[in-house]
Amino acid sequence: MKDHSPSMPQPPTEAKTAPPDSQTFTFGDWTVAVTKSHIMGSQCEADSPCGPDTPSDLLCNYCRYERELSLPSLPDMVFADNTLQVQHREGGTITFTALDALRSVNTRESSVQVAHAAVWREARADCQGAQKVVEPFDWTYTTTFRGTLAGTLRTEPTEERIDLDKLKVREEIKFYSEVYLYDDELDDNGCTKCVAKVRVMPSGIFVVFRHYLRVDQVLVRINDTRLFSPAGANFFLRESSTRQAAIEDLKVPAPVYTNPDIVWQHLPLVEETVDKIICGDSNSASV
């Protein structure tokens, strides 16, 4: 099964002075809003430098991230102004941003991550960048973020599933966008990237939020959250999954495990969560 969206190219490098590019598209009761801008700088960007007493709403992006995140470092490329949001006419929103995604990064490594970090460090004992793995946080920036819900939205358990086979059917693409949130090459020894994509078709709205991790000679992991709202519905089905495999267990060519849009099909499922996001206070979702 495929997501049926173009393969992810490398994140665009835009001039810092480029104005944000914003687009909206309304489909039934839902409006998709996308904002794309430049990569966040690596130091304070304010004309008058931010300080400890600067109100949160007046901080530049860099200082806001430094203040609000408990991470000793940030990914090399953070698209702080990039946003993908889906809003219902009654006011409920589902939003994807780099800041919220990074809030879900573990500030302490799990035992599994430590074990992989040890293998990676041993394989690159002479690499200065390998020292990064001893920092007391998840140095891969793996996120379990599933979207920020606000307004009139609520969630409930469900046994309904997104029909991925139906999404294979070719139909008109009314709106499509791919929004980069953050990216890091792990000191040239792998890749960690976070991307949100949205596709609107006559049959509904399909969103994929993906964190892709590749640590060379160690592992490939993909955390996916897929959301689908059928045409005319006031809800989204949401499926979140973790798929992971050691590089040595992946019997595929290197070009496959370096392509997130292909390799996810070769990774065993580790964990999965399914629920329904509903707009309104009604006792049942409508279609």
C-alpha atoms as a PDB file:
ATOM      1  CA  MET A   1       0.000   0.000   0.000  1.00  0.00           C
ATOM      2  CA  LYS A   2       1.258   3.423  -0.879  1.00  0.00           C
ATOM      3  CA  ASP A   3       0.407   6.919   0.253  1.00  0.00           C
ATOM      4  CA  HIS A   4      -0.025   7.874  -3.437  1.00  0.00           C
ATOM      5  CA  SER A   5       1.759  11.178  -3.107  1.00  0.00           C
ATOM      6  CA  PRO A   6       4.990  12.267  -4.798  1.00  0.00           C
ATOM      7  CA  SER A   7       8.247  11.037  -3.295  1.00  0.00           C
ATOM      8  CA  MET A   8       9.663  13.492  -0.795  1.00  0.00           C
ATOM      9  CA  PRO A   9      12.430  15.624  -2.322  1.00  0.00           C
ATOM     10  CA  GLN A  10      15.066  17.253  -0.162  1.00  0.00           C
ATOM     11  CA  PRO A  11      13.708  20.217   1.822  1.00  0.00           C
ATOM     12  CA  PRO A  12      13.859  23.412  -0.231  1.00  0.00           C
ATOM     13  CA  THR A  13      16.412  25.958   0.876  1.00  0.00           C
ATOM     14  CA  GLU A  14      14.641  29.307   0.633  1.00  0.00           C
ATOM     15  CA  ALA A  15      16.135  32.737   1.110  1.00  0.00           C
ATOM     16  CA  LYS A  16      15.671  33.947   4.645  1.00  0.00           C
ATOM     17  CA  THR A  17      14.008  37.086   3.355  1.00  0.00           C
ATOM     18  CA  ALA A  18      11.379  35.189   1.364  1.00  0.00           C
ATOM     19  CA  PRO A  19       7.870  36.004   2.612  1.00  0.00           C
ATOM     20  CA  PRO A  20       5.728  33.125   3.890  1.00  0.00           C
ATOM     21  CA  ASP A  21       3.682  31.347   1.244  1.00  0.00           C
ATOM     22  CA  SER A  22       0.133  30.731   2.497  1.00  0.00           C
ATOM     23  CA  GLN A  23      -2.649  28.759   0.792  1.00  0.00           C
ATOM     24  CA  THR A  24      -6.161  27.752   1.807  1.00  0.00           C
ATOM     25  CA  PHE A  25      -8.633  25.329   0.294  1.00  0.00           C
ATOM     26  CA  THR A  26     -12.204  24.735   1.467  1.00  0.00           C
ATOM     27  CA  PHE A  27     -13.810  21.322   1.046  1.00  0.00           C
ATOM     28  CA  GLY A  28     -17.283  21.024   2.512  1.00  0.00           C
ATOM     29  CA  ASP A  29     -17.181  22.105   6.151  1.00  0.00           C
ATOM     30  CA  TRP A  30     -13.390  21.795   6.353  1.00  0.00           C
ATOM     31  CA  THR A  31     -10.743  24.334   5.333  1.00  0.00           C
ATOM     32  CA  VAL A  32      -7.131  23.308   4.779  1.00  0.00           C
ATOM     33  CA  ALA A  33      -4.576  26.057   5.507  1.00  0.00           C
ATOM     34  CA  VAL A  34      -0.879  25.722   4.663  1.00  0.00           C
ATOM     35  CA  THR A  35       1.965  28.123   5.429  1.00  0.00           C
ATOM     36  CA  LYS A  36       5.530  27.637   4.159  1.00  0.00           C
ATOM     37  CA  SER A  37       8.517  29.803   4.967  1.00  0.00           C
ATOM     38  CA  HIS A  38      12.308  29.760   5.371  1.00  0.00           C
ATOM     39  CA  ILE A  39      14.526  27.725   7.690  1.00  0.00           C
ATOM     40  CA  MET A  40      14.833  29.136  11.196  1.00  0.00           C
ATOM     41  CA  GLY A  41      18.182  30.731  12.012  1.00  0.00           C
ATOM     42  CA  SER A  42      20.673  29.266  14.485  1.00  0.00           C
ATOM     43  CA  GLN A  43      20.674  32.303  16.787  1.00  0.00           C
ATOM     44  CA  CYS A  44      18.390  35.107  17.962  1.00  0.00           C
ATOM     45  CA  GLU A  45      16.676  36.700  14.967  1.00  0.00           C
ATOM     46  CA  ALA A  46      15.152  39.727  16.695  1.00  0.00           C
ATOM     47  CA  ASP A  47      16.290  43.249  15.806  1.00  0.00           C
ATOM     48  CA  SER A  48      16.567  43.911  19.548  1.00  0.00           C
ATOM     49  CA  PRO A  49      17.943  40.675  21.069  1.00  0.00           C
ATOM     50  CA  CYS A  50      15.492  38.665  23.166  1.00  0.00           C
ATOM     51  CA  GLY A  51      16.222  38.316  26.856  1.00  0.00           C
ATOM     52  CA  PRO A  52      14.953  36.456  29.949  1.00  0.00           C
ATOM     53  CA  ASP A  53      12.308  39.132  30.505  1.00  0.00           C
ATOM     54  CA  THR A  54      11.024  39.193  26.927  1.00  0.00           C
ATOM     55  CA  PRO A  55       7.315  38.193  26.877  1.00  0.00           C
ATOM     56  CA  SER A  56       6.699  34.879  25.134  1.00  0.00           C
ATOM     57  CA  ASP A  57       4.580  36.482  22.416  1.00  0.00           C
ATOM     58  CA  LEU A  58       7.443  38.838  21.516  1.00  0.00           C
ATOM     59  CA  LEU A  59      10.196  36.223  21.283  1.00  0.00           C
ATOM     60  CA  CYS A  60      11.764  35.462  17.920  1.00  0.00           C
ATOM     61  CA  ASN A  61      11.287  31.876  16.740  1.00  0.00           C
ATOM     62  CA  TYR A  62      14.748  30.732  17.823  1.00  0.00           C
ATOM     63  CA  CYS A  63      14.429  32.095  21.358  1.00  0.00           C
ATOM     64  CA  ARG A  64      10.890  30.745  21.672  1.00  0.00           C
ATOM     65  CA  TYR A  65      12.120  27.259  20.815  1.00  0.00           C
ATOM     66  CA  GLU A  66      15.006  27.617  23.255  1.00  0.00           C
ATOM     67  CA  ARG A  67      12.651  28.686  26.033  1.00  0.00           C
ATOM     68  CA  GLU A  68       9.798  26.245  25.460  1.00  0.00           C
ATOM     69  CA  LEU A  69      11.693  23.048  24.604  1.00  0.00           C
ATOM     70  CA  SER A  70      13.731  20.995  27.085  1.00  0.00           C
ATOM     71  CA  LEU A  71      16.223  19.925  24.417  1.00  0.00           C
ATOM     72  CA  PRO A  72      19.963  20.642  24.590  1.00  0.00           C
ATOM     73  CA  SER A  73      20.055  21.143  20.810  1.00  0.00           C
ATOM     74  CA  LEU A  74      17.696  21.486  17.849  1.00  0.00           C
ATOM     75  CA  PRO A  75      17.666  19.804  14.422  1.00  0.00           C
ATOM     76  CA  ASP A  76      19.919  21.447  11.844  1.00  0.00           C
ATOM     77  CA  MET A  77      16.927  22.602   9.800  1.00  0.00           C
ATOM     78  CA  VAL A  78      13.758  23.746  11.546  1.00  0.00           C
ATOM     79  CA  PHE A  79      10.910  25.323   9.565  1.00  0.00           C
ATOM     80  CA  ALA A  80       9.444  27.244  12.487  1.00  0.00           C
ATOM     81  CA  ASP A  81       6.780  29.122  10.513  1.00  0.00           C
ATOM     82  CA  ASN A  82       5.590  26.142   8.475  1.00  0.00           C
ATOM     83  CA  THR A  83       2.109  24.974   9.392  1.00  0.00           C
ATOM     84  CA  LEU A  84      -0.509  22.535   8.161  1.00  0.00           C
ATOM     85  CA  GLN A  85      -3.945  23.059   9.697  1.00  0.00           C
ATOM     86  CA  VAL A  86      -7.385  21.624   9.004  1.00  0.00           C
ATOM     87  CA  GLN A  87     -10.268  23.658  10.457  1.00  0.00           C
ATOM     88  CA  HIS A  88     -13.957  22.830  10.714  1.00  0.00           C
ATOM     89  CA  ARG A  89     -16.479  25.608  10.150  1.00  0.00           C
ATOM     90  CA  GLU A  90     -17.574  25.214  13.791  1.00  0.00           C
ATOM     91  CA  GLY A  91     -14.089  26.132  14.929  1.00  0.00           C
ATOM     92  CA  GLY A  92     -12.292  22.857  15.658  1.00  0.00           C
ATOM     93  CA  THR A  93      -8.723  22.593  14.348  1.00  0.00           C
ATOM     94  CA  ILE A  94      -6.069  19.925  13.782  1.00  0.00           C
ATOM     95  CA  THR A  95      -2.637  21.538  13.500  1.00  0.00           C
ATOM     96  CA  PHE A  96       0.869  20.324  12.659  1.00  0.00           C
ATOM     97  CA  THR A  97       3.918  22.483  13.493  1.00  0.00           C
ATOM     98  CA  ALA A  98       7.589  21.835  14.174  1.00  0.00           C
ATOM     99  CA  LEU A  99       7.361  23.230  17.704  1.00  0.00           C
ATOM    100  CA  ASP A 100       4.549  20.891  18.722  1.00  0.00           C
ATOM    101  CA  ALA A 101       6.284  17.940  17.060  1.00  0.00           C
ATOM    102  CA  LEU A 102       9.512  18.651  18.963  1.00  0.00           C
ATOM    103  CA  ARG A 103       7.596  18.903  22.242  1.00  0.00           C
ATOM    104  CA  SER A 104       7.001  15.149  21.907  1.00  0.00           C
ATOM    105  CA  VAL A 105      10.688  14.275  21.582  1.00  0.00           C
ATOM    106  CA  ASN A 106      11.880  12.304  24.602  1.00  0.00           C
ATOM    107  CA  THR A 107      14.124  14.351  26.866  1.00  0.00           C
ATOM    108  CA  ARG A 108      15.671  11.061  28.003  1.00  0.00           C
ATOM    109  CA  GLU A 109      16.564   8.142  25.768  1.00  0.00           C
ATOM    110  CA  SER A 110      14.751   4.848  26.222  1.00  0.00           C
ATOM    111  CA  SER A 111      16.790   1.688  26.747  1.00  0.00           C
ATOM    112  CA  VAL A 112      16.171   0.711  23.118  1.00  0.00           C
ATOM    113  CA  GLN A 113      17.514   4.018  21.869  1.00  0.00           C
ATOM    114  CA  VAL A 114      20.565   3.764  24.126  1.00  0.00           C
ATOM    115  CA  ALA A 115      21.351   0.318  22.754  1.00  0.00           C
ATOM    116  CA  HIS A 116      21.161   1.568  19.179  1.00  0.00           C
ATOM    117  CA  ALA A 117      23.207   4.636  20.069  1.00  0.00           C
ATOM    118  CA  ALA A 118      25.963   2.376  21.436  1.00  0.00           C
ATOM    119  CA  VAL A 119      26.114   0.403  18.176  1.00  0.00           C
ATOM    120  CA  TRP A 120      26.180   3.591  16.144  1.00  0.00           C
ATOM    121  CA  ARG A 121      28.892   5.148  18.325  1.00  0.00           C
ATOM    122  CA  GLU A 122      31.058   2.026  18.185  1.00  0.00           C
ATOM    123  CA  ALA A 123      30.818   1.929  14.388  1.00  0.00           C
ATOM    124  CA  ARG A 124      32.040   5.525  14.257  1.00  0.00           C
ATOM    125  CA  ALA A 125      34.501   5.746  17.119  1.00  0.00           C
ATOM    126  CA  ASP A 126      36.618   8.222  15.147  1.00  0.00           C
ATOM    127  CA  CYS A 127      33.706  10.466  14.186  1.00  0.00           C
ATOM    128  CA  GLN A 128      33.461  13.650  16.227  1.00  0.00           C
ATOM    129  CA  GLY A 129      29.731  13.861  15.561  1.00  0.00           C
ATOM    130  CA  ALA A 130      29.205  10.526  17.306  1.00  0.00           C
ATOM    131  CA  GLN A 131      29.638  12.280  20.646  1.00  0.00           C
ATOM    132  CA  LYS A 132      26.183  13.786  20.085  1.00  0.00           C
ATOM    133  CA  VAL A 133      24.543  10.528  21.145  1.00  0.00           C
ATOM    134  CA  VAL A 134      25.688  10.835  24.753  1.00  0.00           C
ATOM    135  CA  GLU A 135      23.513  13.897  25.322  1.00  0.00           C
ATOM    136  CA  PRO A 136      20.649  13.202  27.760  1.00  0.00           C
ATOM    137  CA  PHE A 137      17.853  13.372  25.185  1.00  0.00           C
ATOM    138  CA  ASP A 138      16.651  11.525  22.108  1.00  0.00           C
ATOM    139  CA  TRP A 139      19.368  12.641  19.704  1.00  0.00           C
ATOM    140  CA  THR A 140      17.340  11.280  16.751  1.00  0.00           C
ATOM    141  CA  TYR A 141      14.500  13.788  17.386  1.00  0.00           C
ATOM    142  CA  THR A 142      11.961  10.978  17.055  1.00  0.00           C
ATOM    143  CA  THR A 143       8.497  12.362  17.743  1.00  0.00           C
ATOM    144  CA  THR A 144       5.279  10.622  18.754  1.00  0.00           C
ATOM    145  CA  PHE A 145       3.255  13.751  17.881  1.00  0.00           C
ATOM    146  CA  ARG A 146      -0.181  13.049  16.358  1.00  0.00           C
ATOM    147  CA  GLY A 147      -1.467  16.590  15.742  1.00  0.00           C
ATOM    148  CA  THR A 148      -2.683  19.357  18.062  1.00  0.00           C
ATOM    149  CA  LEU A 149      -6.460  19.375  18.534  1.00  0.00           C
ATOM    150  CA  ALA A 150      -8.316  22.532  19.593  1.00  0.00           C
ATOM    151  CA  GLY A 151     -11.796  24.001  19.680  1.00  0.00           C
ATOM    152  CA  THR A 152     -14.856  21.804  19.273  1.00  0.00           C
ATOM    153  CA  LEU A 153     -12.967  18.607  18.431  1.00  0.00           C
ATOM    154  CA  ARG A 154     -13.105  15.523  20.608  1.00  0.00           C
ATOM    155  CA  THR A 155     -11.778  11.981  20.226  1.00  0.00           C
ATOM    156  CA  GLU A 156     -13.328   8.590  20.793  1.00  0.00           C
ATOM    157  CA  PRO A 157     -12.239   4.974  20.265  1.00  0.00           C
ATOM    158  CA  THR A 158     -13.304   3.346  17.013  1.00  0.00           C
ATOM    159  CA  GLU A 159     -13.007   0.081  15.134  1.00  0.00           C
ATOM    160  CA  GLU A 160     -13.364   1.873  11.791  1.00  0.00           C
ATOM    161  CA  ARG A 161     -10.264   1.971   9.628  1.00  0.00           C
ATOM    162  CA  ILE A 162      -9.014   4.109   6.771  1.00  0.00           C
ATOM    163  CA  ASP A 163      -9.576   2.229   3.504  1.00  0.00           C
ATOM    164  CA  LEU A 164      -6.109   2.507   1.991  1.00  0.00           C
ATOM    165  CA  ASP A 165      -7.145   0.390  -0.982  1.00  0.00           C
ATOM    166  CA  LYS A 166      -9.826   2.954  -1.801  1.00  0.00           C
ATOM    167  CA  LEU A 167      -7.183   5.670  -1.664  1.00  0.00           C
ATOM    168  CA  LYS A 168      -5.317   3.845  -4.422  1.00  0.00           C
ATOM    169  CA  VAL A 169      -8.132   4.628  -6.846  1.00  0.00           C
ATOM    170  CA  ARG A 170      -7.044   7.375  -9.216  1.00  0.00           C
ATOM    171  CA  GLU A 171      -9.170  10.511  -8.895  1.00  0.00           C
ATOM    172  CA  GLU A 172      -8.885  14.253  -9.309  1.00  0.00           C
ATOM    173  CA  ILE A 173      -6.496  15.991  -6.914  1.00  0.00           C
ATOM    174  CA  LYS A 174      -8.239  19.194  -5.914  1.00  0.00           C
ATOM    175  CA  PHE A 175      -5.475  20.346  -3.562  1.00  0.00           C
ATOM    176  CA  TYR A 176      -2.067  18.990  -2.540  1.00  0.00           C
ATOM    177  CA  SER A 177       0.729  20.307  -0.343  1.00  0.00           C
ATOM    178  CA  GLU A 178       3.824  18.979   1.413  1.00  0.00           C
ATOM    179  CA  VAL A 179       5.036  20.867   4.481  1.00  0.00           C
ATOM    180  CA  TYR A 180       8.526  20.317   5.911  1.00  0.00           C
ATOM    181  CA  LEU A 181       8.812  20.784   9.670  1.00  0.00           C
ATOM    182  CA  TYR A 182      12.368  19.732  10.530  1.00  0.00           C
ATOM    183  CA  ASP A 183      15.336  17.811   9.152  1.00  0.00           C
ATOM    184  CA  ASP A 184      18.747  16.711  10.424  1.00  0.00           C
ATOM    185  CA  GLU A 185      21.426  14.520   8.820  1.00  0.00           C
ATOM    186  CA  LEU A 186      22.759  13.249  12.177  1.00  0.00           C
ATOM    187  CA  ASP A 187      26.258  14.515  11.394  1.00  0.00           C
ATOM    188  CA  ASP A 188      26.181  12.867   7.949  1.00  0.00           C
ATOM    189  CA  ASN A 189      25.464   9.472   9.476  1.00  0.00           C
ATOM    190  CA  GLY A 190      21.766   9.152   8.761  1.00  0.00           C
ATOM    191  CA  CYS A 191      18.635  11.206   8.477  1.00  0.00           C
ATOM    192  CA  THR A 192      15.761  12.321  10.666  1.00  0.00           C
ATOM    193  CA  LYS A 193      12.959  14.315   9.108  1.00  0.00           C
ATOM    194  CA  CYS A 194       9.430  15.381   9.918  1.00  0.00           C
ATOM    195  CA  VAL A 195       6.946  16.168   7.143  1.00  0.00           C
ATOM    196  CA  ALA A 196       3.186  16.717   6.868  1.00  0.00           C
ATOM    197  CA  LYS A 197       1.297  16.157   3.596  1.00  0.00           C
ATOM    198  CA  VAL A 198      -2.313  16.804   2.638  1.00  0.00           C
ATOM    199  CA  ARG A 199      -4.344  15.707  -0.364  1.00  0.00           C
ATOM    200  CA  VAL A 200      -7.939  16.713  -1.121  1.00  0.00           C
ATOM    201  CA  MET A 201      -9.953  14.583  -3.550  1.00  0.00           C
ATOM    202  CA  PRO A 202     -13.665  14.293  -4.382  1.00  0.00           C
ATOM    203  CA  SER A 203     -13.785  11.356  -1.944  1.00  0.00           C
ATOM    204  CA  GLY A 204     -12.345  13.299   1.005  1.00  0.00           C
ATOM    205  CA  ILE A 205      -9.322  14.812   2.770  1.00  0.00           C
ATOM    206  CA  PHE A 206      -6.224  12.685   3.406  1.00  0.00           C
ATOM    207  CA  VAL A 207      -3.408  13.851   5.704  1.00  0.00           C
ATOM    208  CA  VAL A 208      -0.117  12.064   6.420  1.00  0.00           C
ATOM    209  CA  PHE A 209       2.164  13.245   9.206  1.00  0.00           C
ATOM    210  CA  ARG A 210       5.449  11.332   9.126  1.00  0.00           C
ATOM    211  CA  HIS A 211       8.645  11.156  11.117  1.00  0.00           C
ATOM    212  CA  TYR A 212      11.328   9.195   9.261  1.00  0.00           C
ATOM    213  CA  LEU A 213      14.546   8.056  10.923  1.00  0.00           C
ATOM    214  CA  ARG A 214      17.536   6.300   9.414  1.00  0.00           C
ATOM    215  CA  VAL A 215      20.674   5.699  11.470  1.00  0.00           C
ATOM    216  CA  ASP A 216      23.252   4.256   9.069  1.00  0.00           C
ATOM    217  CA  GLN A 217      24.251   0.655   9.835  1.00  0.00           C
ATOM    218  CA  VAL A 218      21.764   0.597  12.704  1.00  0.00           C
ATOM    219  CA  LEU A 219      18.024   1.027  12.007  1.00  0.00           C
ATOM    220  CA  VAL A 220      15.148   2.556  10.053  1.00  0.00           C
ATOM    221  CA  ARG A 221      12.033   3.750  11.879  1.00  0.00           C
ATOM    222  CA  ILE A 222       8.871   5.471  10.648  1.00  0.00           C
ATOM    223  CA  ASN A 223       6.204   7.010  12.865  1.00  0.00           C
ATOM    224  CA  ASP A 224       3.148   7.713  10.730  1.00  0.00           C
ATOM    225  CA  THR A 225      -0.148   9.376  11.558  1.00  0.00           C
ATOM    226  CA  ARG A 226      -2.748   9.154   8.797  1.00  0.00           C
ATOM    227  CA  LEU A 227      -6.033  11.022   8.916  1.00  0.00           C
ATOM    228  CA  PHE A 228      -8.935  10.695   6.522  1.00  0.00           C
ATOM    229  CA  SER A 229     -12.266  12.537   6.421  1.00  0.00           C
ATOM    230  CA  PRO A 230     -14.789  11.222   3.870  1.00  0.00           C
ATOM    231  CA  ALA A 231     -16.592  13.832   1.789  1.00  0.00           C
ATOM    232  CA  GLY A 232     -19.420  15.365   3.840  1.00  0.00           C
ATOM    233  CA  ALA A 233     -18.198  13.970   7.172  1.00  0.00           C
ATOM    234  CA  ASN A 234     -17.688  15.935  10.394  1.00  0.00           C
ATOM    235  CA  PHE A 235     -14.930  13.591  11.565  1.00  0.00           C
ATOM    236  CA  PHE A 236     -11.462  12.280  10.758  1.00  0.00           C
ATOM    237  CA  LEU A 237     -10.356   8.711  11.240  1.00  0.00           C
ATOM    238  CA  ARG A 238      -6.837   8.801  12.717  1.00  0.00           C
ATOM    239  CA  GLU A 239      -4.367   5.913  12.567  1.00  0.00           C
ATOM    240  CA  SER A 240      -0.918   6.230  14.167  1.00  0.00           C
ATOM    241  CA  SER A 241       1.752   3.576  13.777  1.00  0.00           C
ATOM    242  CA  THR A 242       5.403   2.859  14.527  1.00  0.00           C
ATOM    243  CA  ARG A 243       7.321   0.645  12.122  1.00  0.00           C
ATOM    244  CA  GLN A 244      10.957  -0.246  12.693  1.00  0.00           C
ATOM    245  CA  ALA A 245      13.686  -2.659  11.626  1.00  0.00           C
ATOM    246  CA  ALA A 246      17.428  -3.042  12.038  1.00  0.00           C
ATOM    247  CA  ILE A 247      19.365  -2.299   8.855  1.00  0.00           C
ATOM    248  CA  GLU A 248      20.843  -5.813   8.920  1.00  0.00           C
ATOM    249  CA  ASP A 249      17.323  -7.274   8.871  1.00  0.00           C
ATOM    250  CA  LEU A 250      16.159  -5.239   5.868  1.00  0.00           C
ATOM    251  CA  LYS A 251      16.709  -7.363   2.780  1.00  0.00           C
ATOM    252  CA  VAL A 252      16.270  -4.456   0.386  1.00  0.00           C
ATOM    253  CA  PRO A 253      18.692  -2.287  -1.633  1.00  0.00           C
ATOM    254  CA  ALA A 254      19.979   0.903   0.003  1.00  0.00           C
ATOM    255  CA  PRO A 255      17.886   3.161  -2.276  1.00  0.00           C
ATOM    256  CA  VAL A 256      14.785   1.542  -0.763  1.00  0.00           C
ATOM    257  CA  TYR A 257      15.531   2.157   2.906  1.00  0.00           C
ATOM    258  CA  THR A 258      16.624   5.717   2.153  1.00  0.00           C
ATOM    259  CA  ASN A 259      13.194   6.452   0.615  1.00  0.00           C
ATOM    260  CA  PRO A 260      10.491   6.876   3.302  1.00  0.00           C
ATOM    261  CA  ASP A 261       7.664   6.550   0.764  1.00  0.00           C
ATOM    262  CA  ILE A 262       8.825   3.034  -0.134  1.00  0.00           C
ATOM    263  CA  VAL A 263      10.598   1.581   2.884  1.00  0.00           C
ATOM    264  CA  TRP A 264       7.614   1.846   5.249  1.00  0.00           C
ATOM    265  CA  GLN A 265       6.058  -1.101   3.399  1.00  0.00           C
ATOM    266  CA  HIS A 266       9.067  -3.260   4.364  1.00  0.00           C
ATOM    267  CA  LEU A 267       9.100  -2.377   8.067  1.00  0.00           C
ATOM    268  CA  PRO A 268       7.311  -4.571  10.628  1.00  0.00           C
ATOM    269  CA  LEU A 269       4.561  -2.936  12.654  1.00  0.00           C
ATOM    270  CA  VAL A 270       5.616  -2.302  16.252  1.00  0.00           C
ATOM    271  CA  GLU A 271       2.715  -0.271  17.624  1.00  0.00           C
ATOM    272  CA  GLU A 272      -0.577   1.150  16.386  1.00  0.00           C
ATOM    273  CA  THR A 273      -3.273   3.484  17.759  1.00  0.00           C
ATOM    274  CA  VAL A 274      -6.631   4.169  16.084  1.00  0.00           C
ATOM    275  CA  ASP A 275      -9.260   6.733  17.035  1.00  0.00           C
ATOM    276  CA  LYS A 276     -11.850   9.101  15.582  1.00  0.00           C
ATOM    277  CA  ILE A 277     -11.679  12.899  15.780  1.00  0.00           C
ATOM    278  CA  ILE A 278     -15.175  14.366  15.792  1.00  0.00           C
ATOM    279  CA  CYS A 279     -16.317  17.958  15.497  1.00  0.00           C
ATOM    280  CA  GLY A 280     -19.273  19.059  17.584  1.00  0.00           C
ATOM    281  CA  ASP A 281     -21.022  17.893  20.732  1.00  0.00           C
ATOM    282  CA  SER A 282     -23.296  15.375  19.045  1.00  0.00           C
ATOM    283  CA  ASN A 283     -23.304  11.796  20.265  1.00  0.00           C
ATOM    284  CA  SER A 284     -22.407  10.426  16.860  1.00  0.00           C
ATOM    285  CA  ALA A 285     -20.279  11.430  13.923  1.00  0.00           C
ATOM    286  CA  SER A 286     -22.102  12.268  10.707  1.00  0.00           C
ATOM    287  CA  VAL A 287     -21.303  11.568   7.105  1.00  0.00           C
END
